[in-house]
Amino acid sequence: MIIGLDPHKSSHTATAVDPATNTAVLSLRIDASLAGYRVLLKWGRQFPERRWAIENAKGLGCHLAQWLVARDETVFDVATTATARVRELSRGGRRKNDVIDAAAAASVAALHGDAVQVTP
C-alpha cells in the first residue's frame, strides 16, 4: 500500500492507494502534531506492506517525514509539480482537494517513479 500525504501547516491528509489498481482505499485527516503523527502511524499499520509518499517532504511535510523515517518507515518525497501533473491528467482534471492531492502523491510514488526516498 502507498500512503500519500498532503501536508498543511495545521493538518495533514493521508490517502491509502492500492498500487496494483491505483485506487484510493481509505483516507484520514490528522492534526499536524505529535499526537496526530501517532494516530497516523497507528492507522497506517493496518497495511503491513506500506510506503509513505509525502508531497513536499522537504517543506511542509519535513517534520512528519523525518518522524516516520526515525520509526523505520519507508518515506518518499514527491514534488508538488509531480502531484499537480498527475491531478491534471486524472479524470478530475483541475479539481483539487486534500484527498485528491494525497492520492496523487501516492500515485506518483507508485507508478511514475518521480519520488525520492527520504533519509535521516
Protein backbone atom coordinates (compact mmCIF):
# COMPACT_ATOMS: atom_id res chain seq x y z
CA MET A 1 0.00 0.00 0.00
CA ILE A 2 1.19 3.50 -0.77
CA ILE A 3 0.01 6.13 1.69
CA GLY A 4 0.07 9.55 0.10
CA LEU A 5 0.09 12.65 2.27
CA ASP A 6 -0.89 16.22 1.54
CA PRO A 7 0.68 18.27 4.36
CA HIS A 8 -0.52 21.66 5.56
CA LYS A 9 0.51 23.90 8.41
CA SER A 10 -2.20 22.72 10.82
CA SER A 11 -3.33 19.38 9.36
CA HIS A 12 -2.25 16.53 7.08
CA THR A 13 -4.47 14.38 4.88
CA ALA A 14 -3.48 10.79 4.14
CA THR A 15 -4.92 8.57 1.44
CA ALA A 16 -4.02 4.89 1.12
CA VAL A 17 -3.76 3.82 -2.51
CA ASP A 18 -3.54 0.25 -3.78
CA PRO A 19 -0.55 0.35 -6.18
CA ALA A 20 -1.87 -2.61 -8.19
CA THR A 21 -5.04 -0.76 -9.19
CA ASN A 22 -4.13 2.87 -8.40
CA THR A 23 -7.37 3.02 -6.40
CA ALA A 24 -7.84 5.06 -3.23
CA VAL A 25 -8.85 2.75 -0.38
CA LEU A 26 -9.07 4.90 2.77
CA SER A 27 -8.38 8.46 3.84
CA LEU A 28 -7.60 10.12 7.15
CA ARG A 29 -7.09 13.72 8.25
CA ILE A 30 -4.90 14.42 11.28
CA ASP A 31 -3.63 17.43 13.18
CA ALA A 32 -0.06 18.40 12.32
CA SER A 33 1.18 17.47 15.80
CA LEU A 34 2.99 14.62 17.51
CA ALA A 35 -0.36 13.28 18.71
CA GLY A 36 -1.63 13.40 15.13
CA TYR A 37 1.51 11.63 13.87
CA ARG A 38 0.92 8.81 16.36
CA VAL A 39 -2.69 8.45 15.17
CA LEU A 40 -1.47 8.39 11.57
CA LEU A 41 1.15 5.70 12.19
CA LYS A 42 -1.33 3.54 14.09
CA TRP A 43 -3.80 3.93 11.20
CA GLY A 44 -1.08 3.14 8.65
CA ARG A 45 -0.08 -0.06 10.42
CA GLN A 46 -3.26 -1.73 9.19
CA PHE A 47 -1.33 -2.03 5.92
CA PRO A 48 1.60 -4.39 6.68
CA GLU A 49 3.48 -3.56 3.48
CA ARG A 50 3.31 0.21 3.29
CA ARG A 51 5.32 3.08 1.91
CA TRP A 52 4.64 6.73 2.59
CA ALA A 53 4.64 9.35 -0.17
CA ILE A 54 4.66 12.89 1.18
CA GLU A 55 4.11 15.86 -1.09
CA ASN A 56 6.86 18.41 -0.39
CA ALA A 57 8.61 16.28 2.28
CA LYS A 58 11.42 18.84 2.36
CA GLY A 59 8.98 21.67 3.09
CA LEU A 60 5.66 21.45 4.94
CA GLY A 61 6.00 17.67 5.21
CA CYS A 62 9.53 17.73 6.63
CA HIS A 63 8.71 17.12 10.30
CA LEU A 64 6.34 14.26 9.55
CA ALA A 65 8.73 12.70 7.02
CA GLN A 66 11.62 12.71 9.49
CA TRP A 67 9.37 11.45 12.30
CA LEU A 68 8.31 8.48 10.15
CA VAL A 69 11.87 7.75 9.00
CA ALA A 70 13.00 7.75 12.64
CA ARG A 71 10.47 4.95 13.20
CA ASP A 72 11.95 2.86 10.37
CA GLU A 73 9.16 3.68 7.91
CA THR A 74 9.93 3.98 4.19
CA VAL A 75 9.16 7.53 3.08
CA PHE A 76 9.33 9.21 -0.33
CA ASP A 77 9.38 12.90 -1.17
CA VAL A 78 7.03 13.81 -4.01
CA ALA A 79 7.47 17.17 -5.72
CA THR A 80 4.39 19.38 -5.81
CA THR A 81 4.82 19.70 -9.58
CA ALA A 82 4.54 15.90 -9.91
CA THR A 83 1.28 15.73 -7.95
CA ALA A 84 -0.10 18.63 -9.99
CA ARG A 85 0.77 16.79 -13.19
CA VAL A 86 -0.97 13.59 -12.01
CA ARG A 87 -4.01 15.59 -10.91
CA GLU A 88 -4.13 17.35 -14.28
CA LEU A 89 -4.01 14.05 -16.17
CA SER A 90 -6.58 12.32 -14.00
CA ARG A 91 -10.29 12.22 -14.73
CA GLY A 92 -10.90 15.12 -12.37
CA GLY A 93 -8.82 17.50 -14.42
CA ARG A 94 -8.06 20.60 -12.38
CA ARG A 95 -10.14 19.56 -9.36
CA LYS A 96 -8.14 19.99 -6.20
CA ASN A 97 -8.67 18.98 -2.61
CA ASP A 98 -6.54 17.38 0.09
CA VAL A 99 -7.71 13.81 -0.54
CA ILE A 100 -7.06 14.16 -4.29
CA ASP A 101 -3.60 15.63 -3.62
CA ALA A 102 -2.73 12.85 -1.17
CA ALA A 103 -3.85 10.22 -3.68
CA ALA A 104 -1.83 11.97 -6.40
CA ALA A 105 1.30 11.84 -4.21
CA ALA A 106 0.76 8.11 -3.71
CA SER A 107 0.20 7.63 -7.43
CA VAL A 108 3.43 9.43 -8.29
CA ALA A 109 5.39 7.23 -5.88
CA ALA A 110 3.72 4.01 -7.03
CA LEU A 111 3.52 4.47 -10.77
CA HIS A 112 5.59 7.31 -12.07
CA GLY A 113 8.95 6.96 -10.32
CA ASP A 114 9.17 10.70 -9.68
CA ALA A 115 9.64 10.30 -5.93
CA VAL A 116 12.90 10.38 -3.97
CA GLN A 117 13.41 8.33 -0.81
CA VAL A 118 13.76 10.43 2.34
CA THR A 119 16.81 9.73 4.51
CA PRO A 120 17.52 10.87 8.07
